N, C-alpha and C. Protein backbone atom coordinates (compact mmCIF):
# COMPACT_ATOMS: atom_id res chain seq x y z
N MET A 1 -3.75 0.94 -12.43
CA MET A 1 -4.47 1.63 -11.39
C MET A 1 -4.51 3.11 -11.76
N THR A 2 -5.66 3.69 -11.69
CA THR A 2 -5.75 5.11 -11.99
C THR A 2 -5.41 5.92 -10.75
N CYS A 3 -5.02 7.13 -10.98
CA CYS A 3 -4.67 7.99 -9.85
C CYS A 3 -5.88 8.37 -9.03
N GLY A 4 -7.07 8.25 -9.59
CA GLY A 4 -8.28 8.52 -8.84
C GLY A 4 -8.49 7.53 -7.72
N PHE A 5 -7.77 6.44 -7.75
CA PHE A 5 -7.85 5.38 -6.73
C PHE A 5 -7.69 5.96 -5.33
N CYS A 6 -6.68 6.79 -5.15
CA CYS A 6 -6.42 7.36 -3.83
C CYS A 6 -7.55 8.27 -3.39
N VAL A 7 -8.03 9.09 -4.29
CA VAL A 7 -9.04 10.07 -3.96
C VAL A 7 -10.36 9.39 -3.62
N ARG A 8 -10.69 8.31 -4.31
CA ARG A 8 -11.96 7.64 -4.13
C ARG A 8 -12.16 7.16 -2.71
N PHE A 9 -11.08 6.89 -1.99
CA PHE A 9 -11.20 6.37 -0.65
C PHE A 9 -11.15 7.46 0.41
N ARG A 10 -11.18 8.71 0.01
CA ARG A 10 -11.14 9.81 0.96
C ARG A 10 -12.31 9.66 1.94
N GLY A 11 -12.00 9.57 3.16
CA GLY A 11 -13.03 9.41 4.18
C GLY A 11 -13.39 7.95 4.42
N VAL A 12 -13.56 7.17 3.36
CA VAL A 12 -13.93 5.76 3.51
C VAL A 12 -12.82 5.00 4.22
N PHE A 13 -11.58 5.26 3.82
CA PHE A 13 -10.43 4.57 4.42
C PHE A 13 -10.41 4.81 5.93
N ALA A 14 -10.44 6.07 6.30
CA ALA A 14 -10.37 6.40 7.72
C ALA A 14 -11.59 5.88 8.47
N ALA A 15 -12.76 6.07 7.92
CA ALA A 15 -13.98 5.62 8.61
C ALA A 15 -13.99 4.12 8.77
N THR A 16 -13.62 3.39 7.74
CA THR A 16 -13.63 1.93 7.80
C THR A 16 -12.60 1.43 8.80
N LEU A 17 -11.38 1.96 8.73
CA LEU A 17 -10.35 1.51 9.66
C LEU A 17 -10.68 1.92 11.09
N LEU A 18 -11.12 3.14 11.27
CA LEU A 18 -11.41 3.60 12.62
C LEU A 18 -12.55 2.81 13.24
N THR A 19 -13.55 2.49 12.45
CA THR A 19 -14.66 1.68 12.96
C THR A 19 -14.17 0.29 13.31
N ALA A 20 -13.41 -0.31 12.43
CA ALA A 20 -12.94 -1.69 12.65
C ALA A 20 -11.94 -1.77 13.79
N LEU A 21 -11.25 -0.69 14.05
CA LEU A 21 -10.16 -0.74 15.03
C LEU A 21 -10.46 0.04 16.30
N ALA A 22 -11.71 0.38 16.52
CA ALA A 22 -12.06 1.19 17.69
C ALA A 22 -11.57 0.57 18.99
N ALA A 23 -11.47 -0.73 19.02
CA ALA A 23 -11.05 -1.41 20.24
C ALA A 23 -9.53 -1.41 20.43
N PHE A 24 -8.79 -0.98 19.42
CA PHE A 24 -7.33 -1.01 19.50
C PHE A 24 -6.78 0.39 19.67
N PRO A 25 -6.26 0.74 20.86
CA PRO A 25 -5.73 2.09 21.06
C PRO A 25 -4.45 2.29 20.26
N LEU A 26 -4.32 3.47 19.70
CA LEU A 26 -3.13 3.79 18.92
C LEU A 26 -2.40 4.96 19.55
N ALA A 27 -1.08 4.94 19.48
CA ALA A 27 -0.29 6.09 19.92
C ALA A 27 -0.37 7.16 18.83
N SER A 28 0.11 8.30 19.12
CA SER A 28 0.09 9.39 18.16
C SER A 28 0.87 9.01 16.90
N PRO A 29 0.24 9.14 15.69
CA PRO A 29 0.94 8.81 14.46
C PRO A 29 2.19 9.66 14.26
N ALA A 30 2.20 10.88 14.83
CA ALA A 30 3.36 11.75 14.67
C ALA A 30 4.58 11.19 15.40
N ALA A 31 4.36 10.27 16.33
CA ALA A 31 5.46 9.73 17.12
C ALA A 31 6.29 8.72 16.35
N ALA A 32 5.83 8.25 15.23
CA ALA A 32 6.56 7.23 14.47
C ALA A 32 6.63 7.62 13.00
N ASP A 33 7.41 6.89 12.26
CA ASP A 33 7.64 7.20 10.86
C ASP A 33 6.71 6.37 9.98
N GLN A 34 5.60 6.97 9.56
CA GLN A 34 4.61 6.25 8.76
C GLN A 34 5.17 5.80 7.41
N ALA A 35 6.03 6.57 6.82
CA ALA A 35 6.61 6.19 5.53
C ALA A 35 7.42 4.91 5.65
N ARG A 36 8.25 4.82 6.68
CA ARG A 36 9.04 3.60 6.88
C ARG A 36 8.13 2.41 7.20
N GLU A 37 7.08 2.65 7.96
CA GLU A 37 6.12 1.58 8.27
C GLU A 37 5.43 1.09 7.00
N ALA A 38 4.96 2.03 6.18
CA ALA A 38 4.26 1.65 4.95
C ALA A 38 5.17 0.88 4.01
N VAL A 39 6.38 1.40 3.79
CA VAL A 39 7.32 0.72 2.91
C VAL A 39 7.74 -0.61 3.53
N GLY A 40 7.95 -0.65 4.84
CA GLY A 40 8.33 -1.90 5.51
C GLY A 40 7.28 -2.98 5.34
N LEU A 41 6.01 -2.62 5.55
CA LEU A 41 4.94 -3.59 5.36
C LEU A 41 4.88 -4.05 3.92
N PHE A 42 5.03 -3.11 2.99
CA PHE A 42 5.01 -3.43 1.56
C PHE A 42 6.14 -4.39 1.19
N VAL A 43 7.33 -4.11 1.69
CA VAL A 43 8.51 -4.92 1.37
C VAL A 43 8.37 -6.34 1.93
N GLN A 44 7.90 -6.46 3.19
CA GLN A 44 7.83 -7.79 3.80
C GLN A 44 6.62 -8.59 3.34
N SER A 45 5.69 -7.97 2.64
CA SER A 45 4.51 -8.69 2.16
C SER A 45 4.49 -8.71 0.63
N CYS A 46 3.99 -7.67 0.03
CA CYS A 46 3.79 -7.62 -1.42
C CYS A 46 5.07 -7.87 -2.21
N LEU A 47 6.13 -7.18 -1.87
CA LEU A 47 7.37 -7.30 -2.65
C LEU A 47 8.07 -8.63 -2.40
N ARG A 48 8.13 -9.05 -1.15
CA ARG A 48 8.81 -10.31 -0.82
C ARG A 48 8.15 -11.51 -1.49
N TYR A 49 6.83 -11.50 -1.57
CA TYR A 49 6.10 -12.65 -2.10
C TYR A 49 5.47 -12.37 -3.46
N VAL A 50 6.05 -11.46 -4.21
CA VAL A 50 5.49 -11.07 -5.50
C VAL A 50 5.39 -12.26 -6.46
N GLU A 51 6.25 -13.24 -6.32
CA GLU A 51 6.24 -14.38 -7.24
C GLU A 51 5.36 -15.53 -6.76
N ASP A 52 4.81 -15.44 -5.54
CA ASP A 52 4.00 -16.55 -5.03
C ASP A 52 2.95 -16.06 -4.05
N SER A 53 1.73 -15.87 -4.54
CA SER A 53 0.66 -15.37 -3.68
C SER A 53 0.27 -16.42 -2.62
N GLY A 54 0.53 -17.68 -2.88
CA GLY A 54 0.28 -18.71 -1.87
C GLY A 54 1.16 -18.52 -0.66
N ASP A 55 2.44 -18.23 -0.89
CA ASP A 55 3.35 -17.96 0.22
C ASP A 55 2.96 -16.67 0.94
N LEU A 56 2.46 -15.68 0.19
CA LEU A 56 2.01 -14.43 0.80
C LEU A 56 0.84 -14.71 1.74
N ARG A 57 -0.11 -15.50 1.28
CA ARG A 57 -1.27 -15.83 2.13
C ARG A 57 -0.83 -16.61 3.37
N ALA A 58 0.15 -17.49 3.23
CA ALA A 58 0.67 -18.22 4.39
C ALA A 58 1.31 -17.24 5.37
N TRP A 59 2.09 -16.27 4.86
CA TRP A 59 2.71 -15.26 5.72
C TRP A 59 1.64 -14.45 6.44
N ILE A 60 0.59 -14.06 5.72
CA ILE A 60 -0.50 -13.30 6.33
C ILE A 60 -1.14 -14.12 7.46
N ASP A 61 -1.39 -15.39 7.20
CA ASP A 61 -2.00 -16.26 8.22
C ASP A 61 -1.14 -16.39 9.46
N GLU A 62 0.18 -16.28 9.30
CA GLU A 62 1.11 -16.43 10.42
C GLU A 62 1.44 -15.09 11.10
N THR A 63 0.83 -14.02 10.64
CA THR A 63 1.13 -12.69 11.17
C THR A 63 -0.07 -12.20 11.99
N PRO A 64 -0.01 -12.37 13.31
CA PRO A 64 -1.18 -12.05 14.15
C PRO A 64 -1.53 -10.56 14.18
N GLN A 65 -0.62 -9.68 13.82
CA GLN A 65 -0.92 -8.24 13.83
C GLN A 65 -1.90 -7.85 12.73
N LEU A 66 -2.04 -8.70 11.71
CA LEU A 66 -2.96 -8.42 10.62
C LEU A 66 -4.34 -8.94 10.97
N ARG A 67 -5.33 -8.09 10.84
CA ARG A 67 -6.71 -8.47 11.16
C ARG A 67 -7.55 -8.32 9.90
N LYS A 68 -8.14 -9.44 9.48
CA LYS A 68 -8.91 -9.45 8.24
C LYS A 68 -10.22 -8.68 8.41
N PHE A 69 -10.51 -7.86 7.40
CA PHE A 69 -11.77 -7.13 7.38
C PHE A 69 -12.89 -8.05 6.97
N ALA A 70 -14.08 -7.79 7.50
CA ALA A 70 -15.28 -8.49 7.05
C ALA A 70 -15.53 -8.10 5.59
N PRO A 71 -16.17 -8.98 4.81
CA PRO A 71 -16.39 -8.69 3.39
C PRO A 71 -17.03 -7.32 3.13
N ARG A 72 -17.96 -6.92 3.94
CA ARG A 72 -18.63 -5.62 3.72
C ARG A 72 -17.64 -4.47 3.88
N GLN A 73 -16.79 -4.52 4.90
CA GLN A 73 -15.79 -3.48 5.11
C GLN A 73 -14.72 -3.52 4.02
N ALA A 74 -14.36 -4.72 3.59
CA ALA A 74 -13.32 -4.88 2.57
C ALA A 74 -13.71 -4.24 1.25
N GLN A 75 -15.00 -4.21 0.93
CA GLN A 75 -15.45 -3.66 -0.34
C GLN A 75 -15.00 -2.22 -0.55
N ALA A 76 -14.85 -1.47 0.52
CA ALA A 76 -14.40 -0.08 0.40
C ALA A 76 -13.00 0.01 -0.20
N PHE A 77 -12.21 -1.03 -0.03
CA PHE A 77 -10.83 -1.05 -0.53
C PHE A 77 -10.69 -1.77 -1.86
N LEU A 78 -11.64 -2.64 -2.19
CA LEU A 78 -11.52 -3.49 -3.36
C LEU A 78 -12.03 -2.84 -4.65
N ASP A 79 -12.77 -1.76 -4.54
CA ASP A 79 -13.24 -1.02 -5.71
C ASP A 79 -13.94 -1.94 -6.72
N GLY A 80 -14.79 -2.83 -6.22
CA GLY A 80 -15.55 -3.71 -7.10
C GLY A 80 -14.81 -4.95 -7.57
N ARG A 81 -13.56 -5.09 -7.21
CA ARG A 81 -12.78 -6.27 -7.60
C ARG A 81 -12.85 -7.31 -6.49
N ARG A 82 -12.39 -8.50 -6.78
CA ARG A 82 -12.38 -9.57 -5.77
C ARG A 82 -11.04 -9.61 -5.08
N GLY A 83 -11.09 -9.91 -3.77
CA GLY A 83 -9.87 -10.01 -3.00
C GLY A 83 -10.17 -9.96 -1.52
N ASP A 84 -9.12 -9.81 -0.73
CA ASP A 84 -9.21 -9.75 0.71
C ASP A 84 -8.42 -8.56 1.23
N VAL A 85 -8.83 -8.06 2.41
CA VAL A 85 -8.20 -6.88 2.99
C VAL A 85 -7.95 -7.13 4.47
N TRP A 86 -6.76 -6.72 4.92
CA TRP A 86 -6.37 -6.84 6.31
C TRP A 86 -5.97 -5.47 6.85
N SER A 87 -6.31 -5.23 8.09
CA SER A 87 -5.84 -4.04 8.78
C SER A 87 -4.44 -4.33 9.29
N ALA A 88 -3.58 -3.36 9.12
CA ALA A 88 -2.22 -3.47 9.64
C ALA A 88 -1.92 -2.25 10.51
N ALA A 89 -2.95 -1.75 11.18
CA ALA A 89 -2.79 -0.57 12.03
C ALA A 89 -1.85 -0.89 13.18
N ASN A 90 -1.04 0.09 13.52
CA ASN A 90 -0.13 -0.06 14.65
C ASN A 90 0.12 1.32 15.26
N ASP A 91 1.09 1.42 16.12
CA ASP A 91 1.37 2.69 16.79
C ASP A 91 1.72 3.81 15.82
N SER A 92 2.15 3.47 14.61
CA SER A 92 2.54 4.48 13.63
C SER A 92 1.36 5.05 12.87
N GLY A 93 0.26 4.32 12.79
CA GLY A 93 -0.88 4.84 12.06
C GLY A 93 -1.77 3.76 11.50
N LEU A 94 -2.57 4.16 10.51
CA LEU A 94 -3.55 3.27 9.91
C LEU A 94 -3.04 2.79 8.56
N PHE A 95 -2.96 1.46 8.41
CA PHE A 95 -2.46 0.84 7.20
C PHE A 95 -3.39 -0.31 6.81
N ALA A 96 -3.46 -0.61 5.53
CA ALA A 96 -4.24 -1.74 5.06
C ALA A 96 -3.41 -2.52 4.05
N LEU A 97 -3.57 -3.84 4.07
CA LEU A 97 -2.93 -4.74 3.12
C LEU A 97 -4.05 -5.35 2.29
N VAL A 98 -3.98 -5.18 0.98
CA VAL A 98 -5.03 -5.66 0.08
C VAL A 98 -4.42 -6.66 -0.89
N LEU A 99 -5.03 -7.84 -0.98
CA LEU A 99 -4.59 -8.85 -1.93
C LEU A 99 -5.77 -9.15 -2.86
N PHE A 100 -5.62 -8.75 -4.11
CA PHE A 100 -6.66 -8.97 -5.11
C PHE A 100 -6.51 -10.37 -5.69
N ASN A 101 -7.59 -10.90 -6.24
CA ASN A 101 -7.56 -12.25 -6.80
C ASN A 101 -6.66 -12.38 -8.02
N ASP A 102 -6.29 -11.28 -8.66
CA ASP A 102 -5.39 -11.35 -9.82
C ASP A 102 -3.92 -11.26 -9.40
N ASP A 103 -3.64 -11.48 -8.11
CA ASP A 103 -2.30 -11.45 -7.52
C ASP A 103 -1.70 -10.05 -7.39
N THR A 104 -2.50 -9.02 -7.61
CA THR A 104 -2.07 -7.67 -7.31
C THR A 104 -2.11 -7.51 -5.79
N CYS A 105 -1.06 -6.91 -5.24
CA CYS A 105 -0.96 -6.72 -3.80
C CYS A 105 -0.70 -5.25 -3.52
N THR A 106 -1.43 -4.69 -2.57
CA THR A 106 -1.34 -3.26 -2.28
C THR A 106 -1.25 -3.01 -0.78
N VAL A 107 -0.43 -2.04 -0.40
CA VAL A 107 -0.40 -1.53 0.96
C VAL A 107 -0.83 -0.07 0.87
N MET A 108 -1.77 0.32 1.74
CA MET A 108 -2.25 1.70 1.79
C MET A 108 -1.91 2.29 3.15
N ALA A 109 -1.51 3.53 3.15
CA ALA A 109 -1.23 4.26 4.39
C ALA A 109 -2.11 5.49 4.42
N GLN A 110 -2.85 5.64 5.50
CA GLN A 110 -3.69 6.83 5.61
C GLN A 110 -2.82 8.08 5.60
N GLN A 111 -1.74 8.06 6.39
CA GLN A 111 -0.82 9.19 6.43
C GLN A 111 0.60 8.69 6.25
N ALA A 112 1.31 9.33 5.36
CA ALA A 112 2.73 9.04 5.15
C ALA A 112 3.29 10.13 4.25
N SER A 113 4.44 10.63 4.59
CA SER A 113 5.08 11.67 3.80
C SER A 113 5.37 11.15 2.40
N ALA A 114 4.82 11.82 1.39
CA ALA A 114 5.02 11.41 0.01
C ALA A 114 6.50 11.34 -0.35
N ASP A 115 7.24 12.38 0.02
CA ASP A 115 8.67 12.40 -0.29
C ASP A 115 9.41 11.27 0.42
N GLN A 116 9.05 11.01 1.67
CA GLN A 116 9.73 9.97 2.43
C GLN A 116 9.41 8.57 1.90
N VAL A 117 8.16 8.33 1.49
CA VAL A 117 7.81 7.03 0.91
C VAL A 117 8.67 6.77 -0.31
N SER A 118 8.76 7.75 -1.19
CA SER A 118 9.57 7.62 -2.40
C SER A 118 11.03 7.38 -2.06
N LEU A 119 11.56 8.18 -1.14
CA LEU A 119 12.96 8.06 -0.75
C LEU A 119 13.26 6.71 -0.09
N VAL A 120 12.44 6.32 0.86
CA VAL A 120 12.67 5.05 1.58
C VAL A 120 12.60 3.88 0.61
N PHE A 121 11.62 3.89 -0.29
CA PHE A 121 11.52 2.79 -1.25
C PHE A 121 12.70 2.77 -2.21
N SER A 122 13.07 3.90 -2.79
CA SER A 122 14.18 3.91 -3.74
C SER A 122 15.49 3.54 -3.06
N GLU A 123 15.68 3.94 -1.81
CA GLU A 123 16.88 3.54 -1.07
C GLU A 123 16.89 2.03 -0.82
N TYR A 124 15.75 1.45 -0.51
CA TYR A 124 15.66 0.01 -0.30
C TYR A 124 16.03 -0.73 -1.59
N VAL A 125 15.49 -0.29 -2.71
CA VAL A 125 15.79 -0.92 -4.01
C VAL A 125 17.28 -0.84 -4.29
N ARG A 126 17.87 0.32 -4.05
CA ARG A 126 19.31 0.52 -4.30
C ARG A 126 20.15 -0.35 -3.36
N ARG A 127 19.84 -0.31 -2.06
CA ARG A 127 20.60 -1.06 -1.06
C ARG A 127 20.56 -2.57 -1.29
N LYS A 128 19.40 -3.08 -1.68
CA LYS A 128 19.23 -4.52 -1.90
C LYS A 128 19.57 -4.92 -3.34
N ASN A 129 19.92 -3.93 -4.15
CA ASN A 129 20.27 -4.17 -5.55
C ASN A 129 19.18 -4.99 -6.26
N LEU A 130 17.94 -4.57 -6.07
CA LEU A 130 16.81 -5.27 -6.68
C LEU A 130 16.76 -5.01 -8.18
N PRO A 131 16.32 -5.99 -8.95
CA PRO A 131 16.23 -5.80 -10.40
C PRO A 131 14.98 -5.02 -10.79
N LEU A 132 14.89 -3.79 -10.28
CA LEU A 132 13.76 -2.92 -10.59
C LEU A 132 14.27 -1.64 -11.26
N ASP A 133 13.70 -1.34 -12.40
CA ASP A 133 14.06 -0.13 -13.14
C ASP A 133 12.90 0.86 -13.09
N LYS A 134 13.21 2.09 -12.73
CA LYS A 134 12.17 3.12 -12.70
C LYS A 134 11.85 3.50 -14.14
N VAL A 135 10.58 3.31 -14.53
CA VAL A 135 10.18 3.56 -15.91
C VAL A 135 9.16 4.70 -16.03
N GLY A 136 8.73 5.23 -14.91
CA GLY A 136 7.77 6.32 -14.98
C GLY A 136 7.73 7.11 -13.70
N ASP A 137 7.49 8.41 -13.84
CA ASP A 137 7.36 9.30 -12.69
C ASP A 137 6.56 10.50 -13.16
N ARG A 138 5.32 10.57 -12.73
CA ARG A 138 4.49 11.69 -13.17
C ARG A 138 3.70 12.26 -12.00
N ARG A 139 3.41 13.52 -12.12
CA ARG A 139 2.61 14.23 -11.12
C ARG A 139 1.38 14.78 -11.82
N GLU A 140 0.27 14.74 -11.09
CA GLU A 140 -0.96 15.30 -11.64
C GLU A 140 -1.91 15.63 -10.50
N PHE A 141 -2.95 16.36 -10.83
CA PHE A 141 -3.99 16.69 -9.87
C PHE A 141 -5.23 15.90 -10.24
N VAL A 142 -5.78 15.20 -9.26
CA VAL A 142 -7.01 14.44 -9.44
C VAL A 142 -8.01 14.99 -8.43
N ARG A 143 -9.09 15.56 -8.94
CA ARG A 143 -10.10 16.19 -8.08
C ARG A 143 -9.45 17.19 -7.11
N SER A 144 -8.56 17.99 -7.64
CA SER A 144 -7.86 19.05 -6.89
C SER A 144 -6.90 18.52 -5.83
N ILE A 145 -6.53 17.25 -5.90
CA ILE A 145 -5.57 16.69 -4.96
C ILE A 145 -4.34 16.26 -5.74
N ASP A 146 -3.17 16.74 -5.30
CA ASP A 146 -1.93 16.40 -5.98
C ASP A 146 -1.60 14.93 -5.76
N GLN A 147 -1.06 14.31 -6.80
CA GLN A 147 -0.61 12.92 -6.70
C GLN A 147 0.65 12.73 -7.53
N ARG A 148 1.48 11.83 -7.05
CA ARG A 148 2.68 11.44 -7.79
C ARG A 148 2.59 9.94 -7.99
N GLU A 149 2.82 9.50 -9.22
CA GLU A 149 2.81 8.07 -9.53
C GLU A 149 4.17 7.68 -10.08
N GLU A 150 4.85 6.79 -9.35
CA GLU A 150 6.15 6.27 -9.77
C GLU A 150 5.97 4.81 -10.15
N THR A 151 6.51 4.42 -11.29
CA THR A 151 6.38 3.05 -11.76
C THR A 151 7.76 2.43 -11.96
N TYR A 152 7.90 1.23 -11.43
CA TYR A 152 9.12 0.43 -11.58
C TYR A 152 8.74 -0.87 -12.27
N ARG A 153 9.66 -1.43 -13.07
CA ARG A 153 9.44 -2.75 -13.68
C ARG A 153 10.62 -3.64 -13.34
N SER A 154 10.28 -4.89 -13.10
CA SER A 154 11.34 -5.87 -12.81
C SER A 154 12.03 -6.24 -14.11
N SER A 155 13.30 -6.57 -14.00
CA SER A 155 14.07 -6.97 -15.18
C SER A 155 14.64 -8.37 -15.01
N ASP A 156 14.23 -9.06 -13.94
CA ASP A 156 14.75 -10.40 -13.67
C ASP A 156 13.77 -11.11 -12.74
N GLY A 157 13.86 -12.41 -12.70
CA GLY A 157 13.02 -13.18 -11.79
C GLY A 157 12.16 -14.18 -12.53
N ARG A 158 11.48 -14.99 -11.75
CA ARG A 158 10.62 -16.03 -12.30
C ARG A 158 9.44 -15.43 -13.07
N ILE A 159 8.88 -14.36 -12.52
CA ILE A 159 7.83 -13.63 -13.22
C ILE A 159 8.23 -12.15 -13.26
N LEU A 160 7.78 -11.46 -14.28
CA LEU A 160 8.03 -10.03 -14.37
C LEU A 160 6.85 -9.31 -13.72
N TYR A 161 7.12 -8.21 -13.07
CA TYR A 161 6.09 -7.49 -12.34
C TYR A 161 6.39 -6.00 -12.34
N GLU A 162 5.39 -5.24 -11.93
CA GLU A 162 5.53 -3.80 -11.77
C GLU A 162 5.32 -3.43 -10.31
N VAL A 163 5.96 -2.36 -9.92
CA VAL A 163 5.72 -1.74 -8.62
C VAL A 163 5.26 -0.33 -8.92
N VAL A 164 4.14 0.06 -8.32
CA VAL A 164 3.60 1.40 -8.51
C VAL A 164 3.44 2.04 -7.14
N LEU A 165 4.02 3.22 -7.00
CA LEU A 165 3.87 4.02 -5.78
C LEU A 165 3.02 5.23 -6.14
N ILE A 166 1.91 5.39 -5.45
CA ILE A 166 1.08 6.58 -5.63
C ILE A 166 1.07 7.30 -4.30
N THR A 167 1.52 8.54 -4.31
CA THR A 167 1.60 9.31 -3.06
C THR A 167 0.96 10.68 -3.26
N SER A 168 0.58 11.27 -2.16
CA SER A 168 0.00 12.62 -2.20
C SER A 168 0.50 13.40 -0.99
N LYS A 169 0.80 14.66 -1.21
CA LYS A 169 1.19 15.56 -0.12
C LYS A 169 -0.02 16.28 0.46
N SER A 170 -1.15 16.12 -0.17
CA SER A 170 -2.33 16.86 0.26
C SER A 170 -2.89 16.34 1.58
N PRO A 171 -3.14 17.24 2.53
CA PRO A 171 -3.78 16.81 3.78
C PRO A 171 -5.23 16.39 3.56
N ARG A 172 -5.80 16.71 2.40
CA ARG A 172 -7.17 16.31 2.08
C ARG A 172 -7.25 14.88 1.56
N ALA A 173 -6.13 14.29 1.20
CA ALA A 173 -6.12 12.92 0.70
C ALA A 173 -6.07 11.98 1.89
N GLU A 174 -7.13 11.27 2.14
CA GLU A 174 -7.16 10.35 3.27
C GLU A 174 -6.19 9.19 3.08
N VAL A 175 -5.90 8.85 1.84
CA VAL A 175 -4.89 7.83 1.53
C VAL A 175 -3.71 8.57 0.92
N GLN A 176 -2.64 8.70 1.69
CA GLN A 176 -1.50 9.47 1.19
C GLN A 176 -0.44 8.60 0.54
N ALA A 177 -0.54 7.28 0.71
CA ALA A 177 0.42 6.39 0.06
C ALA A 177 -0.26 5.08 -0.31
N VAL A 178 -0.08 4.67 -1.57
CA VAL A 178 -0.56 3.39 -2.06
C VAL A 178 0.62 2.75 -2.79
N LEU A 179 1.07 1.59 -2.28
CA LEU A 179 2.22 0.89 -2.87
C LEU A 179 1.70 -0.45 -3.39
N THR A 180 1.97 -0.74 -4.67
CA THR A 180 1.36 -1.90 -5.31
C THR A 180 2.38 -2.71 -6.10
N THR A 181 2.25 -4.04 -6.01
CA THR A 181 2.94 -4.94 -6.94
C THR A 181 1.85 -5.59 -7.77
N ARG A 182 2.14 -5.75 -9.05
CA ARG A 182 1.20 -6.44 -9.94
C ARG A 182 1.98 -7.14 -11.02
N PRO A 183 1.46 -8.32 -11.42
CA PRO A 183 2.13 -9.02 -12.51
C PRO A 183 2.16 -8.15 -13.76
N ASN A 184 3.26 -8.17 -14.48
CA ASN A 184 3.42 -7.38 -15.70
C ASN A 184 2.98 -8.25 -16.87
N ARG A 185 1.69 -8.26 -17.10
CA ARG A 185 1.12 -9.12 -18.15
C ARG A 185 0.82 -8.35 -19.39
């Protein structure tokens, strides 16, 4: 995934979610911890079911808080690839769960503290003693928006995979956190 991924959805993410969710009132995002929500959704979906997308789809089907986007709305998140997208908006903010046909799974947060996303995720990995090794951490500017990309690789399990966290501190980045699992092929 290129770092331009986050920037490309500037405005589209918010407009698509806000349009799709106009009927669902939300509390102030400042009232809750968006970083913990984003990482929590990522952990209970993408990370938990990284070895079996069938089980992930079953979990999604059993989770009534997730609302599937219509194909036209989903295209804004799929970037020309095939897959499905669900809204996971709640009182903490606007979130999306994306499952691509190649078993890549992504959680996006419109707003989330970049530092907190990184901290919450690394603490979860440490606390659960997950077989994930941090193999990359770089910062760069994409279209004048700062981004940090952290890459982890699994060292154990039925399949090997990568976890990529892309975060931005910029208030101009409509997508401030993108957390992804993908098979390490």
